[in-house]
Full PDB file with SEQRES, HELIX, SHEET, SSBOND, CRYST1, ORIGX, SCALE, CONECT and MASTER records, all heavy atoms in Angstrom:
SEQRES   1 A   40  SER VAL TRP ASN GLY VAL LEU SER ALA THR ALA ASP GLY          
SEQRES   2 A   40  ARG ILE LYS VAL ALA ASN ALA ASP TYR ASN ARG VAL ILE          
SEQRES   3 A   40  ALA PRO ASP SER SER VAL THR PHE GLY PHE THR ALA THR          
SEQRES   4 A   40  SER                                                          
SHEET    1 AA1 2 VAL A   2  TRP A   3  0                                        
SHEET    2 AA1 2 GLY A  35  PHE A  36 -1                                        
SHEET    1 AA2 2 VAL A   6  ALA A   9  0                                        
SHEET    2 AA2 2 ILE A  15  ALA A  18 -1                                        
CRYST1    1.000    1.000    1.000  90.00  90.00  90.00 P 1           1          
ORIGX1      1.000000  0.000000  0.000000        0.00000                         
ORIGX2      0.000000  1.000000  0.000000        0.00000                         
ORIGX3      0.000000  0.000000  1.000000        0.00000                         
SCALE1      1.000000  0.000000  0.000000        0.00000                         
SCALE2      0.000000  1.000000  0.000000        0.00000                         
SCALE3      0.000000  0.000000  1.000000        0.00000                         
ATOM      1  N   SER A   1       0.838  -1.195   0.000  1.00  0.00           N  
ATOM      2  CA  SER A   1       0.000   0.000   0.000  1.00  0.00           C  
ATOM      3  C   SER A   1       0.873   1.245   0.000  1.00  0.00           C  
ATOM      4  O   SER A   1       2.016   1.223   0.452  1.00  0.00           O  
ATOM      5  CB  SER A   1      -0.929   0.022   1.220  1.00  0.00           C  
ATOM      6  OG  SER A   1      -0.183   0.050   2.417  1.00  0.00           O  
ATOM      7  N   VAL A   2       0.322   2.328  -0.544  1.00  0.00           N  
ATOM      8  CA  VAL A   2       1.038   3.594  -0.671  1.00  0.00           C  
ATOM      9  C   VAL A   2       0.101   4.728  -0.298  1.00  0.00           C  
ATOM     10  O   VAL A   2      -1.081   4.699  -0.617  1.00  0.00           O  
ATOM     11  CB  VAL A   2       1.551   3.809  -2.116  1.00  0.00           C  
ATOM     12  CG1 VAL A   2       2.257   5.158  -2.241  1.00  0.00           C  
ATOM     13  CG2 VAL A   2       2.488   2.696  -2.537  1.00  0.00           C  
ATOM     14  N   TRP A   3       0.619   5.732   0.397  1.00  0.00           N  
ATOM     15  CA  TRP A   3      -0.119   6.955   0.671  1.00  0.00           C  
ATOM     16  C   TRP A   3       0.519   8.099  -0.101  1.00  0.00           C  
ATOM     17  O   TRP A   3       1.736   8.211  -0.154  1.00  0.00           O  
ATOM     18  CB  TRP A   3      -0.074   7.286   2.167  1.00  0.00           C  
ATOM     19  CG  TRP A   3      -0.714   6.226   3.000  1.00  0.00           C  
ATOM     20  CD1 TRP A   3      -2.027   6.101   3.328  1.00  0.00           C  
ATOM     21  CD2 TRP A   3      -0.040   5.127   3.621  1.00  0.00           C  
ATOM     22  NE1 TRP A   3      -2.220   4.999   4.114  1.00  0.00           N  
ATOM     23  CE2 TRP A   3      -1.019   4.375   4.310  1.00  0.00           C  
ATOM     24  CE3 TRP A   3       1.276   4.680   3.658  1.00  0.00           C  
ATOM     25  CZ2 TRP A   3      -0.715   3.225   5.031  1.00  0.00           C  
ATOM     26  CZ3 TRP A   3       1.596   3.539   4.368  1.00  0.00           C  
ATOM     27  CH2 TRP A   3       0.600   2.824   5.044  1.00  0.00           C  
ATOM     28  N   ASN A   4      -0.309   8.944  -0.667  1.00  0.00           N  
ATOM     29  CA  ASN A   4       0.138  10.109  -1.430  1.00  0.00           C  
ATOM     30  C   ASN A   4       0.661   9.726  -2.800  1.00  0.00           C  
ATOM     31  O   ASN A   4       1.480  10.420  -3.380  1.00  0.00           O  
ATOM     32  CB  ASN A   4       1.219  10.901  -0.670  1.00  0.00           C  
ATOM     33  CG  ASN A   4       1.420  12.291  -1.264  1.00  0.00           C  
ATOM     34  OD1 ASN A   4       0.479  12.906  -1.728  1.00  0.00           O  
ATOM     35  ND2 ASN A   4       2.645  12.762  -1.260  1.00  0.00           N  
ATOM     36  N   GLY A   5       0.182   8.612  -3.359  1.00  0.00           N  
ATOM     37  CA  GLY A   5       0.643   8.243  -4.682  1.00  0.00           C  
ATOM     38  C   GLY A   5      -0.171   7.118  -5.275  1.00  0.00           C  
ATOM     39  O   GLY A   5      -1.040   6.535  -4.637  1.00  0.00           O  
ATOM     40  N   VAL A   6       0.108   6.813  -6.521  1.00  0.00           N  
ATOM     41  CA  VAL A   6      -0.512   5.709  -7.232  1.00  0.00           C  
ATOM     42  C   VAL A   6       0.555   4.665  -7.502  1.00  0.00           C  
ATOM     43  O   VAL A   6       1.646   4.982  -7.987  1.00  0.00           O  
ATOM     44  CB  VAL A   6      -1.144   6.186  -8.558  1.00  0.00           C  
ATOM     45  CG1 VAL A   6      -1.530   4.999  -9.425  1.00  0.00           C  
ATOM     46  CG2 VAL A   6      -2.376   7.034  -8.276  1.00  0.00           C  
ATOM     47  N   LEU A   7       0.249   3.414  -7.178  1.00  0.00           N  
ATOM     48  CA  LEU A   7       1.205   2.319  -7.316  1.00  0.00           C  
ATOM     49  C   LEU A   7       0.987   1.611  -8.644  1.00  0.00           C  
ATOM     50  O   LEU A   7      -0.119   1.226  -8.987  1.00  0.00           O  
ATOM     51  CB  LEU A   7       1.007   1.326  -6.164  1.00  0.00           C  
ATOM     52  CG  LEU A   7       1.902   0.092  -6.113  1.00  0.00           C  
ATOM     53  CD1 LEU A   7       3.337   0.514  -5.864  1.00  0.00           C  
ATOM     54  CD2 LEU A   7       1.419  -0.836  -5.020  1.00  0.00           C  
ATOM     55  N   SER A   8       2.075   1.443  -9.398  1.00  0.00           N  
ATOM     56  CA  SER A   8       2.008   0.723 -10.657  1.00  0.00           C  
ATOM     57  C   SER A   8       3.333   0.004 -10.856  1.00  0.00           C  
ATOM     58  O   SER A   8       4.146  -0.085  -9.939  1.00  0.00           O  
ATOM     59  CB  SER A   8       1.693   1.667 -11.831  1.00  0.00           C  
ATOM     60  OG  SER A   8       2.721   2.639 -11.965  1.00  0.00           O  
ATOM     61  N   ALA A   9       3.566  -0.535 -12.037  1.00  0.00           N  
ATOM     62  CA  ALA A   9       4.803  -1.260 -12.312  1.00  0.00           C  
ATOM     63  C   ALA A   9       5.390  -0.784 -13.625  1.00  0.00           C  
ATOM     64  O   ALA A   9       4.678  -0.294 -14.507  1.00  0.00           O  
ATOM     65  CB  ALA A   9       4.552  -2.766 -12.370  1.00  0.00           C  
ATOM     66  N   THR A  10       6.693  -0.939 -13.781  1.00  0.00           N  
ATOM     67  CA  THR A  10       7.373  -0.592 -15.022  1.00  0.00           C  
ATOM     68  C   THR A  10       7.644  -1.853 -15.818  1.00  0.00           C  
ATOM     69  O   THR A  10       7.566  -2.975 -15.314  1.00  0.00           O  
ATOM     70  CB  THR A  10       8.698   0.139 -14.756  1.00  0.00           C  
ATOM     71  OG1 THR A  10       9.620  -0.777 -14.168  1.00  0.00           O  
ATOM     72  CG2 THR A  10       8.489   1.319 -13.830  1.00  0.00           C  
ATOM     73  N   ALA A  11       7.995  -1.671 -17.074  1.00  0.00           N  
ATOM     74  CA  ALA A  11       8.220  -2.805 -17.957  1.00  0.00           C  
ATOM     75  C   ALA A  11       9.396  -3.668 -17.518  1.00  0.00           C  
ATOM     76  O   ALA A  11       9.455  -4.856 -17.838  1.00  0.00           O  
ATOM     77  CB  ALA A  11       8.438  -2.310 -19.390  1.00  0.00           C  
ATOM     78  N   ASP A  12      10.332  -3.095 -16.784  1.00  0.00           N  
ATOM     79  CA  ASP A  12      11.492  -3.868 -16.357  1.00  0.00           C  
ATOM     80  C   ASP A  12      11.341  -4.404 -14.936  1.00  0.00           C  
ATOM     81  O   ASP A  12      12.319  -4.813 -14.307  1.00  0.00           O  
ATOM     82  CB  ASP A  12      12.774  -3.048 -16.485  1.00  0.00           C  
ATOM     83  CG  ASP A  12      12.734  -1.756 -15.686  1.00  0.00           C  
ATOM     84  OD1 ASP A  12      11.690  -1.478 -15.063  1.00  0.00           O  
ATOM     85  OD2 ASP A  12      13.741  -1.028 -15.685  1.00  0.00           O  
ATOM     86  N   GLY A  13      10.118  -4.408 -14.391  1.00  0.00           N  
ATOM     87  CA  GLY A  13       9.867  -5.050 -13.113  1.00  0.00           C  
ATOM     88  C   GLY A  13      10.021  -4.173 -11.891  1.00  0.00           C  
ATOM     89  O   GLY A  13       9.869  -4.652 -10.769  1.00  0.00           O  
ATOM     90  N   ARG A  14      10.320  -2.900 -12.073  1.00  0.00           N  
ATOM     91  CA  ARG A  14      10.447  -2.016 -10.924  1.00  0.00           C  
ATOM     92  C   ARG A  14       9.074  -1.551 -10.438  1.00  0.00           C  
ATOM     93  O   ARG A  14       8.092  -1.625 -11.162  1.00  0.00           O  
ATOM     94  CB  ARG A  14      11.292  -0.799 -11.290  1.00  0.00           C  
ATOM     95  CG  ARG A  14      12.747  -1.121 -11.606  1.00  0.00           C  
ATOM     96  CD  ARG A  14      13.518   0.138 -11.964  1.00  0.00           C  
ATOM     97  NE  ARG A  14      12.956   0.785 -13.149  1.00  0.00           N  
ATOM     98  CZ  ARG A  14      13.191   2.046 -13.493  1.00  0.00           C  
ATOM     99  NH1 ARG A  14      13.946   2.807 -12.728  1.00  0.00           N  
ATOM    100  NH2 ARG A  14      12.666   2.547 -14.592  1.00  0.00           N  
ATOM    101  N   ILE A  15       9.039  -1.075  -9.200  1.00  0.00           N  
ATOM    102  CA  ILE A  15       7.831  -0.451  -8.656  1.00  0.00           C  
ATOM    103  C   ILE A  15       7.852   1.029  -9.012  1.00  0.00           C  
ATOM    104  O   ILE A  15       8.888   1.697  -8.919  1.00  0.00           O  
ATOM    105  CB  ILE A  15       7.760  -0.629  -7.134  1.00  0.00           C  
ATOM    106  CG1 ILE A  15       7.388  -2.079  -6.804  1.00  0.00           C  
ATOM    107  CG2 ILE A  15       6.748   0.324  -6.511  1.00  0.00           C  
ATOM    108  CD1 ILE A  15       7.376  -2.361  -5.330  1.00  0.00           C  
ATOM    109  N   LYS A  16       6.710   1.537  -9.409  1.00  0.00           N  
ATOM    110  CA  LYS A  16       6.581   2.950  -9.735  1.00  0.00           C  
ATOM    111  C   LYS A  16       5.507   3.567  -8.853  1.00  0.00           C  
ATOM    112  O   LYS A  16       4.438   2.983  -8.676  1.00  0.00           O  
ATOM    113  CB  LYS A  16       6.217   3.136 -11.204  1.00  0.00           C  
ATOM    114  CG  LYS A  16       5.967   4.595 -11.617  1.00  0.00           C  
ATOM    115  CD  LYS A  16       5.428   4.668 -13.029  1.00  0.00           C  
ATOM    116  CE  LYS A  16       5.044   6.085 -13.407  1.00  0.00           C  
ATOM    117  NZ  LYS A  16       4.380   6.150 -14.718  1.00  0.00           N  
ATOM    118  N   VAL A  17       5.796   4.704  -8.283  1.00  0.00           N  
ATOM    119  CA  VAL A  17       4.812   5.468  -7.520  1.00  0.00           C  
ATOM    120  C   VAL A  17       4.739   6.864  -8.123  1.00  0.00           C  
ATOM    121  O   VAL A  17       5.763   7.524  -8.291  1.00  0.00           O  
ATOM    122  CB  VAL A  17       5.177   5.543  -6.028  1.00  0.00           C  
ATOM    123  CG1 VAL A  17       4.186   6.429  -5.285  1.00  0.00           C  
ATOM    124  CG2 VAL A  17       5.205   4.153  -5.418  1.00  0.00           C  
ATOM    125  N   ALA A  18       3.527   7.287  -8.446  1.00  0.00           N  
ATOM    126  CA  ALA A  18       3.331   8.590  -9.074  1.00  0.00           C  
ATOM    127  C   ALA A  18       2.328   9.401  -8.280  1.00  0.00           C  
ATOM    128  O   ALA A  18       1.433   8.849  -7.635  1.00  0.00           O  
ATOM    129  CB  ALA A  18       2.847   8.424 -10.513  1.00  0.00           C  
ATOM    130  N   ASN A  19       2.466  10.694  -8.332  1.00  0.00           N  
ATOM    131  CA  ASN A  19       1.461  11.580  -7.758  1.00  0.00           C  
ATOM    132  C   ASN A  19       0.113  11.252  -8.391  1.00  0.00           C  
ATOM    133  O   ASN A  19      -0.001  11.110  -9.606  1.00  0.00           O  
ATOM    134  CB  ASN A  19       1.852  13.026  -8.056  1.00  0.00           C  
ATOM    135  CG  ASN A  19       0.869  14.008  -7.476  1.00  0.00           C  
ATOM    136  OD1 ASN A  19      -0.118  14.311  -8.117  1.00  0.00           O  
ATOM    137  ND2 ASN A  19       1.149  14.496  -6.293  1.00  0.00           N  
ATOM    138  N   ALA A  20      -0.922  11.077  -7.568  1.00  0.00           N  
ATOM    139  CA  ALA A  20      -2.181  10.518  -8.052  1.00  0.00           C  
ATOM    140  C   ALA A  20      -2.846  11.368  -9.134  1.00  0.00           C  
ATOM    141  O   ALA A  20      -3.327  10.853 -10.132  1.00  0.00           O  
ATOM    142  CB  ALA A  20      -3.139  10.304  -6.892  1.00  0.00           C  
ATOM    143  N   ASP A  21      -2.894  12.667  -8.921  1.00  0.00           N  
ATOM    144  CA  ASP A  21      -3.619  13.497  -9.879  1.00  0.00           C  
ATOM    145  C   ASP A  21      -2.689  14.392 -10.696  1.00  0.00           C  
ATOM    146  O   ASP A  21      -3.142  15.188 -11.505  1.00  0.00           O  
ATOM    147  CB  ASP A  21      -4.652  14.368  -9.162  1.00  0.00           C  
ATOM    148  CG  ASP A  21      -4.036  15.223  -8.069  1.00  0.00           C  
ATOM    149  OD1 ASP A  21      -2.796  15.232  -7.944  1.00  0.00           O  
ATOM    150  OD2 ASP A  21      -4.803  15.877  -7.334  1.00  0.00           O  
ATOM    151  N   TYR A  22      -1.363  14.254 -10.471  1.00  0.00           N  
ATOM    152  CA  TYR A  22      -0.349  15.021 -11.186  1.00  0.00           C  
ATOM    153  C   TYR A  22      -0.527  16.533 -11.026  1.00  0.00           C  
ATOM    154  O   TYR A  22      -0.073  17.312 -11.852  1.00  0.00           O  
ATOM    155  CB  TYR A  22      -0.310  14.644 -12.672  1.00  0.00           C  
ATOM    156  CG  TYR A  22      -0.098  13.185 -12.907  1.00  0.00           C  
ATOM    157  CD1 TYR A  22      -1.057  12.412 -13.542  1.00  0.00           C  
ATOM    158  CD2 TYR A  22       1.062  12.560 -12.446  1.00  0.00           C  
ATOM    159  CE1 TYR A  22      -0.874  11.053 -13.738  1.00  0.00           C  
ATOM    160  CE2 TYR A  22       1.247  11.201 -12.630  1.00  0.00           C  
ATOM    161  CZ  TYR A  22       0.281  10.450 -13.279  1.00  0.00           C  
ATOM    162  OH  TYR A  22       0.463   9.114 -13.463  1.00  0.00           O  
ATOM    163  N   ASN A  23      -1.184  16.943  -9.959  1.00  0.00           N  
ATOM    164  CA  ASN A  23      -1.350  18.370  -9.688  1.00  0.00           C  
ATOM    165  C   ASN A  23      -0.666  18.794  -8.401  1.00  0.00           C  
ATOM    166  O   ASN A  23      -0.883  19.890  -7.913  1.00  0.00           O  
ATOM    167  CB  ASN A  23      -2.839  18.726  -9.614  1.00  0.00           C  
ATOM    168  CG  ASN A  23      -3.520  18.634 -10.963  1.00  0.00           C  
ATOM    169  OD1 ASN A  23      -2.930  19.027 -11.966  1.00  0.00           O  
ATOM    170  ND2 ASN A  23      -4.724  18.097 -10.996  1.00  0.00           N  
ATOM    171  N   ARG A  24       0.128  17.897  -7.818  1.00  0.00           N  
ATOM    172  CA  ARG A  24       0.843  18.213  -6.586  1.00  0.00           C  
ATOM    173  C   ARG A  24       2.138  18.919  -6.962  1.00  0.00           C  
ATOM    174  O   ARG A  24       3.169  18.304  -7.167  1.00  0.00           O  
ATOM    175  CB  ARG A  24       1.134  16.937  -5.811  1.00  0.00           C  
ATOM    176  CG  ARG A  24       1.716  17.170  -4.429  1.00  0.00           C  
ATOM    177  CD  ARG A  24       0.641  17.550  -3.441  1.00  0.00           C  
ATOM    178  NE  ARG A  24      -0.307  16.457  -3.263  1.00  0.00           N  
ATOM    179  CZ  ARG A  24      -1.393  16.521  -2.532  1.00  0.00           C  
ATOM    180  NH1 ARG A  24      -1.692  17.645  -1.911  1.00  0.00           N  
ATOM    181  NH2 ARG A  24      -2.212  15.495  -2.422  1.00  0.00           N  
ATOM    182  N   VAL A  25       2.097  20.215  -7.094  1.00  0.00           N  
ATOM    183  CA  VAL A  25       3.251  20.986  -7.542  1.00  0.00           C  
ATOM    184  C   VAL A  25       4.294  21.050  -6.426  1.00  0.00           C  
ATOM    185  O   VAL A  25       3.971  21.362  -5.280  1.00  0.00           O  
ATOM    186  CB  VAL A  25       2.831  22.404  -7.968  1.00  0.00           C  
ATOM    187  CG1 VAL A  25       4.051  23.220  -8.375  1.00  0.00           C  
ATOM    188  CG2 VAL A  25       1.825  22.327  -9.109  1.00  0.00           C  
ATOM    189  N   ILE A  26       5.543  20.756  -6.760  1.00  0.00           N  
ATOM    190  CA  ILE A  26       6.647  20.869  -5.803  1.00  0.00           C  
ATOM    191  C   ILE A  26       7.449  22.109  -6.175  1.00  0.00           C  
ATOM    192  O   ILE A  26       8.021  22.191  -7.268  1.00  0.00           O  
ATOM    193  CB  ILE A  26       7.549  19.620  -5.812  1.00  0.00           C  
ATOM    194  CG1 ILE A  26       6.720  18.353  -5.580  1.00  0.00           C  
ATOM    195  CG2 ILE A  26       8.629  19.742  -4.747  1.00  0.00           C  
ATOM    196  CD1 ILE A  26       7.534  17.065  -5.615  1.00  0.00           C  
ATOM    197  N   ALA A  27       7.476  23.075  -5.293  1.00  0.00           N  
ATOM    198  CA  ALA A  27       8.192  24.322  -5.552  1.00  0.00           C  
ATOM    199  C   ALA A  27       9.692  24.075  -5.602  1.00  0.00           C  
ATOM    200  O   ALA A  27      10.194  23.080  -5.070  1.00  0.00           O  
ATOM    201  CB  ALA A  27       7.860  25.346  -4.469  1.00  0.00           C  
ATOM    202  N   PRO A  28      10.454  24.964  -6.246  1.00  0.00           N  
ATOM    203  CA  PRO A  28      11.906  24.813  -6.260  1.00  0.00           C  
ATOM    204  C   PRO A  28      12.479  24.728  -4.849  1.00  0.00           C  
ATOM    205  O   PRO A  28      12.023  25.429  -3.936  1.00  0.00           O  
ATOM    206  CB  PRO A  28      12.384  26.088  -6.978  1.00  0.00           C  
ATOM    207  CG  PRO A  28      11.225  26.479  -7.843  1.00  0.00           C  
ATOM    208  CD  PRO A  28      10.007  26.130  -7.044  1.00  0.00           C  
ATOM    209  N   ASP A  29      13.462  23.845  -4.656  1.00  0.00           N  
ATOM    210  CA  ASP A  29      14.144  23.655  -3.378  1.00  0.00           C  
ATOM    211  C   ASP A  29      13.182  23.239  -2.268  1.00  0.00           C  
ATOM    212  O   ASP A  29      13.321  23.649  -1.119  1.00  0.00           O  
ATOM    213  CB  ASP A  29      14.911  24.909  -2.978  1.00  0.00           C  
ATOM    214  CG  ASP A  29      16.042  24.584  -1.996  1.00  0.00           C  
ATOM    215  OD1 ASP A  29      16.566  23.461  -2.068  1.00  0.00           O  
ATOM    216  OD2 ASP A  29      16.374  25.437  -1.164  1.00  0.00           O  
ATOM    217  N   SER A  30      12.175  22.440  -2.612  1.00  0.00           N  
ATOM    218  CA  SER A  30      11.277  21.877  -1.619  1.00  0.00           C  
ATOM    219  C   SER A  30      10.954  20.447  -2.015  1.00  0.00           C  
ATOM    220  O   SER A  30      11.463  19.937  -3.014  1.00  0.00           O  
ATOM    221  CB  SER A  30      10.001  22.714  -1.472  1.00  0.00           C  
ATOM    222  OG  SER A  30       9.272  22.711  -2.680  1.00  0.00           O  
ATOM    223  N   SER A  31      10.109  19.771  -1.223  1.00  0.00           N  
ATOM    224  CA  SER A  31       9.886  18.353  -1.463  1.00  0.00           C  
ATOM    225  C   SER A  31       8.532  17.915  -0.928  1.00  0.00           C  
ATOM    226  O   SER A  31       7.895  18.631  -0.148  1.00  0.00           O  
ATOM    227  CB  SER A  31      10.993  17.533  -0.787  1.00  0.00           C  
ATOM    228  OG  SER A  31      10.937  17.686   0.627  1.00  0.00           O  
ATOM    229  N   VAL A  32       8.091  16.738  -1.355  1.00  0.00           N  
ATOM    230  CA  VAL A  32       6.948  16.054  -0.771  1.00  0.00           C  
ATOM    231  C   VAL A  32       7.378  14.633  -0.433  1.00  0.00           C  
ATOM    232  O   VAL A  32       8.312  14.098  -1.037  1.00  0.00           O  
ATOM    233  CB  VAL A  32       5.722  16.030  -1.705  1.00  0.00           C  
ATOM    234  CG1 VAL A  32       5.231  17.431  -1.994  1.00  0.00           C  
ATOM    235  CG2 VAL A  32       6.039  15.281  -2.995  1.00  0.00           C  
ATOM    236  N   THR A  33       6.695  14.030   0.542  1.00  0.00           N  
ATOM    237  CA  THR A  33       7.052  12.691   0.993  1.00  0.00           C  
ATOM    238  C   THR A  33       5.823  11.797   0.973  1.00  0.00           C  
ATOM    239  O   THR A  33       4.753  12.200   1.423  1.00  0.00           O  
ATOM    240  CB  THR A  33       7.631  12.736   2.417  1.00  0.00           C  
ATOM    241  OG1 THR A  33       8.786  13.572   2.424  1.00  0.00           O  
ATOM    242  CG2 THR A  33       8.022  11.341   2.884  1.00  0.00           C  
ATOM    243  N   PHE A  34       5.972  10.593   0.423  1.00  0.00           N  
ATOM    244  CA  PHE A  34       4.896   9.621   0.513  1.00  0.00           C  
ATOM    245  C   PHE A  34       5.393   8.423   1.315  1.00  0.00           C  
ATOM    246  O   PHE A  34       6.592   8.156   1.402  1.00  0.00           O  
ATOM    247  CB  PHE A  34       4.384   9.191  -0.865  1.00  0.00           C  
ATOM    248  CG  PHE A  34       5.368   8.430  -1.715  1.00  0.00           C  
ATOM    249  CD1 PHE A  34       5.559   7.062  -1.532  1.00  0.00           C  
ATOM    250  CD2 PHE A  34       6.073   9.064  -2.721  1.00  0.00           C  
ATOM    251  CE1 PHE A  34       6.449   6.353  -2.319  1.00  0.00           C  
ATOM    252  CE2 PHE A  34       6.977   8.365  -3.513  1.00  0.00           C  
ATOM    253  CZ  PHE A  34       7.161   7.006  -3.302  1.00  0.00           C  
ATOM    254  N   GLY A  35       4.453   7.706   1.919  1.00  0.00           N  
ATOM    255  CA  GLY A  35       4.790   6.541   2.713  1.00  0.00           C  
ATOM    256  C   GLY A  35       4.200   5.279   2.118  1.00  0.00           C  
ATOM    257  O   GLY A  35       3.294   5.341   1.280  1.00  0.00           O  
ATOM    258  N   PHE A  36       4.688   4.121   2.545  1.00  0.00           N  
ATOM    259  CA  PHE A  36       4.166   2.854   2.052  1.00  0.00           C  
ATOM    260  C   PHE A  36       4.398   1.769   3.088  1.00  0.00           C  
ATOM    261  O   PHE A  36       5.231   1.908   3.988  1.00  0.00           O  
ATOM    262  CB  PHE A  36       4.831   2.469   0.726  1.00  0.00           C  
ATOM    263  CG  PHE A  36       6.314   2.236   0.816  1.00  0.00           C  
ATOM    264  CD1 PHE A  36       6.821   0.969   1.104  1.00  0.00           C  
ATOM    265  CD2 PHE A  36       7.201   3.275   0.607  1.00  0.00           C  
ATOM    266  CE1 PHE A  36       8.184   0.758   1.189  1.00  0.00           C  
ATOM    267  CE2 PHE A  36       8.575   3.072   0.695  1.00  0.00           C  
ATOM    268  CZ  PHE A  36       9.063   1.809   0.987  1.00  0.00           C  
ATOM    269  N   THR A  37       3.654   0.690   2.962  1.00  0.00           N  
ATOM    270  CA  THR A  37       3.903  -0.507   3.755  1.00  0.00           C  
ATOM    271  C   THR A  37       4.272  -1.636   2.811  1.00  0.00           C  
ATOM    272  O   THR A  37       3.911  -1.623   1.625  1.00  0.00           O  
ATOM    273  CB  THR A  37       2.672  -0.911   4.583  1.00  0.00           C  
ATOM    274  OG1 THR A  37       1.568  -1.118   3.699  1.00  0.00           O  
ATOM    275  CG2 THR A  37       2.326   0.151   5.594  1.00  0.00           C  
ATOM    276  N   ALA A  38       4.997  -2.621   3.323  1.00  0.00           N  
ATOM    277  CA  ALA A  38       5.447  -3.729   2.493  1.00  0.00           C  
ATOM    278  C   ALA A  38       5.537  -4.994   3.324  1.00  0.00           C  
ATOM    279  O   ALA A  38       5.796  -4.945   4.537  1.00  0.00           O  
ATOM    280  CB  ALA A  38       6.803  -3.419   1.866  1.00  0.00           C  
ATOM    281  N   THR A  39       5.296  -6.114   2.690  1.00  0.00           N  
ATOM    282  CA  THR A  39       5.606  -7.410   3.289  1.00  0.00           C  
ATOM    283  C   THR A  39       6.990  -7.809   2.818  1.00  0.00           C  
ATOM    284  O   THR A  39       7.395  -7.481   1.700  1.00  0.00           O  
ATOM    285  CB  THR A  39       4.582  -8.473   2.872  1.00  0.00           C  
ATOM    286  OG1 THR A  39       4.582  -8.590   1.446  1.00  0.00           O  
ATOM    287  CG2 THR A  39       3.192  -8.099   3.351  1.00  0.00           C  
ATOM    288  N   SER A  40       7.748  -8.497   3.673  1.00  0.00           N  
ATOM    289  CA  SER A  40       9.120  -8.825   3.307  1.00  0.00           C  
ATOM    290  C   SER A  40       9.571 -10.085   4.027  1.00  0.00           C  
ATOM    291  O   SER A  40       9.463 -10.193   5.244  1.00  0.00           O  
ATOM    292  CB  SER A  40      10.067  -7.670   3.644  1.00  0.00           C  
ATOM    293  OG  SER A  40      11.390  -7.989   3.288  1.00  0.00           O  
TER     294      SER A  40                                                      
MASTER        0    0    0    0    4    0    0    6  293    1    0    4          
END                                                                             
């Protein structure tokens, strides 16, 4: 599970997380953080 993003996969088997609506603007010299849980 992921918070603050959409979980998908890439063609080479990696995990991809994207901003859900692509409207979360990150200003210069700033950041956003998303969290996730995993089984391992």
